């Protein structure tokens, strides 16, 4: 995910380095590696990503965020083969119910192993209103002065602007429905969420700590998400099941729904 000029890689599973190449991305575009939990399909790509960052001599800091309870697994993954390690990658294990590394917030989910969901939150700002700026004679470089100083020649920022909530996105993988799922998704512009099963397997989903497409749609609906992206489908379903996932989600959530595929590009919807 590209967010405010930085690249976030969530849950690098097996083959992630190869997928980066197919997507036309380089290791220098990564600034964060975020692992939700240490089941293999969410982390076995870590060795390749780490070694690529080291081999490419990426100079900027790359923050690695992961459950602290999985430190042993992280160590094994980071040092899975002989290579010259890099101090560029800094480790930020998270623990407890909630952890914050702005602009990222991690919240503990409900899964057989400790798992965290992530939320990206842009700071709130203000939207300048051209007609009010003209009314008060604020033009050119003075607009920036007003934004930075808050007042200029008796004109306040509030007189020429309105509040603009910061944009937000949530990445929620393996979990049952729980309070933190809804907290992470609250009001987000983009919700990327697992929908491992269809509703016919709801009991199985709950037993194994997963969501159905209907569960994911319920989260989007009750949280007021603007765009819902379904992902992490069980291998039992083929591509012919995509319309069924879409149908089940749309029966609950009347917003924008996307069934994810490899190398698909999804935009964070712009604010009105």
Protein backbone atom coordinates (compact mmCIF):
# COMPACT_ATOMS: atom_id res chain seq x y z
CA UNK A 1 0.00 0.00 0.00
CA UNK A 2 1.27 3.46 -0.90
CA UNK A 3 0.37 5.94 1.80
CA UNK A 4 1.58 9.53 2.08
CA UNK A 5 4.68 8.80 0.06
CA UNK A 6 5.65 5.61 1.90
CA UNK A 7 5.25 1.95 0.97
CA UNK A 8 3.61 -0.54 3.34
CA UNK A 9 4.03 -4.26 2.73
CA UNK A 10 1.47 -6.25 4.69
CA UNK A 11 1.88 -9.98 5.33
CA UNK A 12 4.60 -10.95 2.84
CA UNK A 13 3.70 -14.58 2.14
CA UNK A 14 5.69 -17.03 0.05
CA UNK A 15 6.71 -15.53 -3.30
CA UNK A 16 6.36 -11.88 -2.23
CA UNK A 17 9.73 -10.85 -3.68
CA UNK A 18 8.69 -12.27 -7.06
CA UNK A 19 5.33 -10.52 -6.88
CA UNK A 20 7.03 -7.21 -6.19
CA UNK A 21 8.97 -7.61 -9.43
CA UNK A 22 5.80 -8.46 -11.37
CA UNK A 23 4.13 -5.39 -9.88
CA UNK A 24 6.99 -3.20 -11.07
CA UNK A 25 8.05 -2.29 -7.53
CA UNK A 26 11.50 -2.22 -5.97
CA UNK A 27 12.74 -2.71 -2.44
CA UNK A 28 13.60 0.99 -2.25
CA UNK A 29 9.85 1.73 -2.31
CA UNK A 30 9.30 -0.15 0.95
CA UNK A 31 9.25 1.71 4.26
CA UNK A 32 7.20 -0.67 6.41
CA UNK A 33 6.87 -4.47 6.70
CA UNK A 34 3.77 -5.34 8.72
CA UNK A 35 3.09 -8.94 9.74
CA UNK A 36 -0.31 -9.70 11.27
CA UNK A 37 0.69 -13.13 12.65
CA UNK A 38 3.13 -15.94 12.06
CA UNK A 39 1.15 -18.51 10.11
CA UNK A 40 3.22 -19.34 7.04
CA UNK A 41 0.94 -17.86 4.41
CA UNK A 42 1.41 -14.48 6.07
CA UNK A 43 5.15 -14.45 6.66
CA UNK A 44 7.16 -16.96 4.61
CA UNK A 45 8.13 -14.21 2.15
CA UNK A 46 9.99 -12.27 4.86
CA UNK A 47 13.43 -13.84 4.15
CA UNK A 48 13.37 -12.83 0.48
CA UNK A 49 12.15 -9.30 1.22
CA UNK A 50 14.72 -8.75 3.97
CA UNK A 51 17.59 -10.04 1.85
CA UNK A 52 16.47 -7.98 -1.15
CA UNK A 53 16.44 -4.81 0.98
CA UNK A 54 19.94 -5.68 2.20
CA UNK A 55 21.27 -6.58 -1.24
CA UNK A 56 19.87 -3.42 -2.81
CA UNK A 57 21.46 -1.37 -0.03
CA UNK A 58 18.28 0.53 0.73
CA UNK A 59 19.39 3.58 2.71
CA UNK A 60 16.20 4.73 4.42
CA UNK A 61 14.73 3.09 7.52
CA UNK A 62 12.33 0.19 6.97
CA UNK A 63 10.20 -0.48 10.05
CA UNK A 64 9.24 -4.10 10.71
CA UNK A 65 6.08 -4.47 12.81
CA UNK A 66 4.91 -7.85 14.09
CA UNK A 67 3.46 -9.54 17.20
CA UNK A 68 6.04 -9.58 19.99
CA UNK A 69 4.93 -13.09 20.93
CA UNK A 70 6.35 -14.26 17.59
CA UNK A 71 9.82 -12.81 18.08
CA UNK A 72 11.41 -16.25 17.77
CA UNK A 73 9.72 -16.79 14.39
CA UNK A 74 10.72 -13.31 13.21
CA UNK A 75 14.34 -14.03 14.12
CA UNK A 76 14.27 -17.28 12.17
CA UNK A 77 12.72 -15.61 9.13
CA UNK A 78 15.06 -12.62 9.16
CA UNK A 79 18.10 -14.88 9.41
CA UNK A 80 16.83 -17.80 7.33
CA UNK A 81 19.98 -17.89 5.14
CA UNK A 82 23.52 -16.60 5.03
CA UNK A 83 23.65 -12.94 3.92
CA UNK A 84 25.02 -9.62 5.06
CA UNK A 85 22.26 -8.16 7.25
CA UNK A 86 21.33 -4.50 7.24
CA UNK A 87 20.68 -2.04 10.06
CA UNK A 88 18.19 -0.31 7.78
CA UNK A 89 15.45 -2.68 8.99
CA UNK A 90 14.40 -1.71 12.50
CA UNK A 91 12.24 -4.03 14.58
CA UNK A 92 9.05 -2.83 16.30
CA UNK A 93 7.31 -5.79 17.98
CA UNK A 94 3.82 -4.97 19.26
CA UNK A 95 2.05 -6.36 22.31
CA UNK A 96 -1.04 -5.70 24.39
CA UNK A 97 -4.46 -4.83 23.07
CA UNK A 98 -3.34 -1.76 21.13
CA UNK A 99 -0.03 -0.35 19.91
CA UNK A 100 0.60 2.86 17.99
CA UNK A 101 3.46 3.75 15.66
CA UNK A 102 2.05 6.79 13.81
CA UNK A 103 0.48 6.73 11.33
CA UNK A 104 -0.02 3.01 12.07
CA UNK A 105 -2.17 1.53 14.83
CA UNK A 106 -2.19 -2.19 15.63
CA UNK A 107 -5.02 -3.92 17.50
CA UNK A 108 -5.16 -7.49 18.72
CA UNK A 109 -7.65 -9.74 16.94
CA UNK A 110 -9.22 -13.15 17.67
CA UNK A 111 -7.33 -16.03 16.07
CA UNK A 112 -5.82 -19.32 17.34
CA UNK A 113 -2.40 -17.63 17.36
CA UNK A 114 -1.82 -14.01 18.36
CA UNK A 115 -2.81 -11.82 15.44
CA UNK A 116 -3.03 -8.05 14.92
CA UNK A 117 -4.95 -5.88 12.48
CA UNK A 118 -3.56 -2.58 11.26
CA UNK A 119 -5.03 0.85 10.57
CA UNK A 120 -3.42 3.78 8.75
CA UNK A 121 -4.74 7.17 9.76
CA UNK A 122 -3.95 10.50 8.13
CA UNK A 123 -4.13 13.51 10.46
CA UNK A 124 -7.23 15.67 10.17
CA UNK A 125 -6.77 18.87 8.22
CA UNK A 126 -8.75 21.70 6.71
CA UNK A 127 -10.09 22.22 3.20
CA UNK A 128 -9.55 25.73 1.87
CA UNK A 129 -12.58 27.42 0.31
CA UNK A 130 -11.58 29.53 -2.75
CA UNK A 131 -14.65 31.77 -2.59
CA UNK A 132 -13.94 32.73 1.02
CA UNK A 133 -10.28 33.30 0.29
CA UNK A 134 -11.25 35.68 -2.51
CA UNK A 135 -13.78 37.43 -0.27
CA UNK A 136 -11.06 38.18 2.30
CA UNK A 137 -8.41 39.07 -0.28
CA UNK A 138 -6.14 36.10 0.46
CA UNK A 139 -4.28 35.07 -2.69
CA UNK A 140 -1.04 33.49 -3.87
CA UNK A 141 1.65 32.87 -1.22
CA UNK A 142 -0.60 34.37 1.45
CA UNK A 143 -2.75 31.23 1.34
CA UNK A 144 0.16 29.15 2.64
CA UNK A 145 0.95 31.77 5.28
CA UNK A 146 -2.64 31.57 6.48
CA UNK A 147 -2.48 27.76 6.59
CA UNK A 148 0.78 27.77 8.53
CA UNK A 149 0.15 30.70 10.86
CA UNK A 150 -3.59 30.32 11.38
CA UNK A 151 -4.29 34.03 10.86
CA UNK A 152 -3.28 36.83 8.51
CA UNK A 153 -4.31 40.52 8.54
CA UNK A 154 -7.23 39.79 10.84
CA UNK A 155 -8.43 36.82 8.77
CA UNK A 156 -8.41 33.44 10.55
CA UNK A 157 -7.97 30.02 9.00
CA UNK A 158 -11.44 29.05 10.22
CA UNK A 159 -12.96 31.91 8.22
CA UNK A 160 -11.60 30.47 4.95
CA UNK A 161 -11.77 26.72 5.43
CA UNK A 162 -13.77 23.80 6.77
CA UNK A 163 -12.58 20.70 8.66
CA UNK A 164 -11.33 17.82 6.49
CA UNK A 165 -11.12 14.44 8.22
CA UNK A 166 -7.90 12.59 7.44
CA UNK A 167 -8.18 9.56 5.20
CA UNK A 168 -7.85 6.09 6.67
CA UNK A 169 -7.38 2.48 5.65
CA UNK A 170 -7.54 -0.80 7.56
CA UNK A 171 -5.87 -4.14 6.86
CA UNK A 172 -7.60 -6.95 8.77
CA UNK A 173 -6.51 -10.53 8.24
CA UNK A 174 -7.15 -13.76 10.11
CA UNK A 175 -9.73 -13.22 12.85
CA UNK A 176 -13.17 -14.00 14.14
CA UNK A 177 -15.60 -11.14 14.58
CA UNK A 178 -14.51 -9.16 17.65
CA UNK A 179 -14.68 -5.62 18.96
CA UNK A 180 -11.27 -4.61 17.60
CA UNK A 181 -12.28 -5.58 14.06
CA UNK A 182 -14.98 -2.91 14.16
CA UNK A 183 -12.69 -0.41 15.89
CA UNK A 184 -10.04 -0.78 13.21
CA UNK A 185 -12.60 -0.44 10.43
CA UNK A 186 -14.50 2.50 11.92
CA UNK A 187 -15.16 5.06 9.18
CA UNK A 188 -12.27 3.95 6.96
CA UNK A 189 -12.07 4.95 3.33
CA UNK A 190 -10.56 1.57 2.40
CA UNK A 191 -11.16 -1.71 4.21
CA UNK A 192 -9.02 -4.66 3.12
CA UNK A 193 -10.33 -7.65 5.02
CA UNK A 194 -10.17 -11.42 4.95
CA UNK A 195 -13.20 -13.37 3.76
CA UNK A 196 -11.83 -16.89 3.88
CA UNK A 197 -15.19 -18.65 3.62
CA UNK A 198 -18.66 -18.30 2.18
CA UNK A 199 -21.61 -18.25 4.56
CA UNK A 200 -22.31 -21.98 4.13
CA UNK A 201 -19.09 -22.58 6.08
CA UNK A 202 -19.81 -20.04 8.84
CA UNK A 203 -19.37 -22.59 11.64
CA UNK A 204 -16.02 -23.70 10.20
CA UNK A 205 -14.91 -20.07 9.89
CA UNK A 206 -15.65 -19.41 13.54
CA UNK A 207 -13.92 -22.60 14.68
CA UNK A 208 -10.73 -21.72 12.79
CA UNK A 209 -10.77 -18.01 13.59
CA UNK A 210 -11.81 -16.62 10.21
CA UNK A 211 -14.51 -14.49 8.58
CA UNK A 212 -17.02 -15.17 5.84
CA UNK A 213 -17.84 -12.75 3.03
CA UNK A 214 -21.02 -11.85 4.92
CA UNK A 215 -19.00 -11.17 8.08
CA UNK A 216 -16.64 -8.90 6.18
CA UNK A 217 -19.57 -7.04 4.64
CA UNK A 218 -21.19 -6.65 8.05
CA UNK A 219 -18.01 -5.07 9.36
CA UNK A 220 -17.98 -2.66 6.40
CA UNK A 221 -21.64 -1.78 6.88
CA UNK A 222 -21.60 -1.23 10.64
CA UNK A 223 -18.28 0.61 10.53
CA UNK A 224 -19.25 2.96 7.70
CA UNK A 225 -16.41 1.92 5.40
CA UNK A 226 -16.44 3.49 1.96
CA UNK A 227 -14.74 0.76 -0.09
CA UNK A 228 -14.59 -2.94 0.81
CA UNK A 229 -11.88 -5.23 -0.56
CA UNK A 230 -12.37 -8.96 0.05
CA UNK A 231 -9.27 -11.14 0.10
CA UNK A 232 -7.67 -14.28 1.65
CA UNK A 233 -9.98 -16.86 0.12
CA UNK A 234 -9.80 -20.53 1.08
CA UNK A 235 -8.15 -22.79 -1.48
CA UNK A 236 -11.39 -24.79 -1.63
CA UNK A 237 -12.86 -22.05 -3.83
CA UNK A 238 -11.90 -21.50 -7.45
CA UNK A 239 -12.18 -18.36 -9.55
CA UNK A 240 -15.73 -19.38 -10.41
CA UNK A 241 -16.69 -18.62 -6.79
CA UNK A 242 -15.79 -14.92 -7.11
CA UNK A 243 -19.36 -13.91 -8.09
CA UNK A 244 -20.70 -15.74 -5.04
CA UNK A 245 -18.34 -13.85 -2.69
CA UNK A 246 -19.42 -10.63 -4.35
CA UNK A 247 -23.11 -11.52 -4.12
CA UNK A 248 -22.92 -12.42 -0.44
CA UNK A 249 -21.09 -9.20 0.40
CA UNK A 250 -23.41 -6.98 -1.62
CA UNK A 251 -26.43 -8.52 0.07
CA UNK A 252 -25.19 -6.90 3.30
CA UNK A 253 -23.12 -3.88 2.24
CA UNK A 254 -24.39 -1.45 -0.39
CA UNK A 255 -21.09 0.36 -0.84
CA UNK A 256 -18.25 -0.34 -3.25
CA UNK A 257 -17.13 -4.01 -3.08
CA UNK A 258 -14.04 -5.46 -4.78
CA UNK A 259 -12.95 -9.10 -4.89
CA UNK A 260 -9.15 -8.93 -4.87
CA UNK A 261 -6.85 -10.74 -7.27
CA UNK A 262 -3.07 -10.94 -7.45
CA UNK A 263 -1.40 -7.76 -8.75
CA UNK A 264 -4.68 -5.85 -8.77
CA UNK A 265 -4.43 -2.10 -8.10
CA UNK A 266 -7.10 -0.63 -5.84
CA UNK A 267 -7.33 3.09 -5.18
CA UNK A 268 -8.13 4.63 -1.83
CA UNK A 269 -11.34 6.52 -2.69
CA UNK A 270 -10.96 10.27 -2.71
CA UNK A 271 -12.91 12.29 -0.21
CA UNK A 272 -15.86 14.27 -1.66
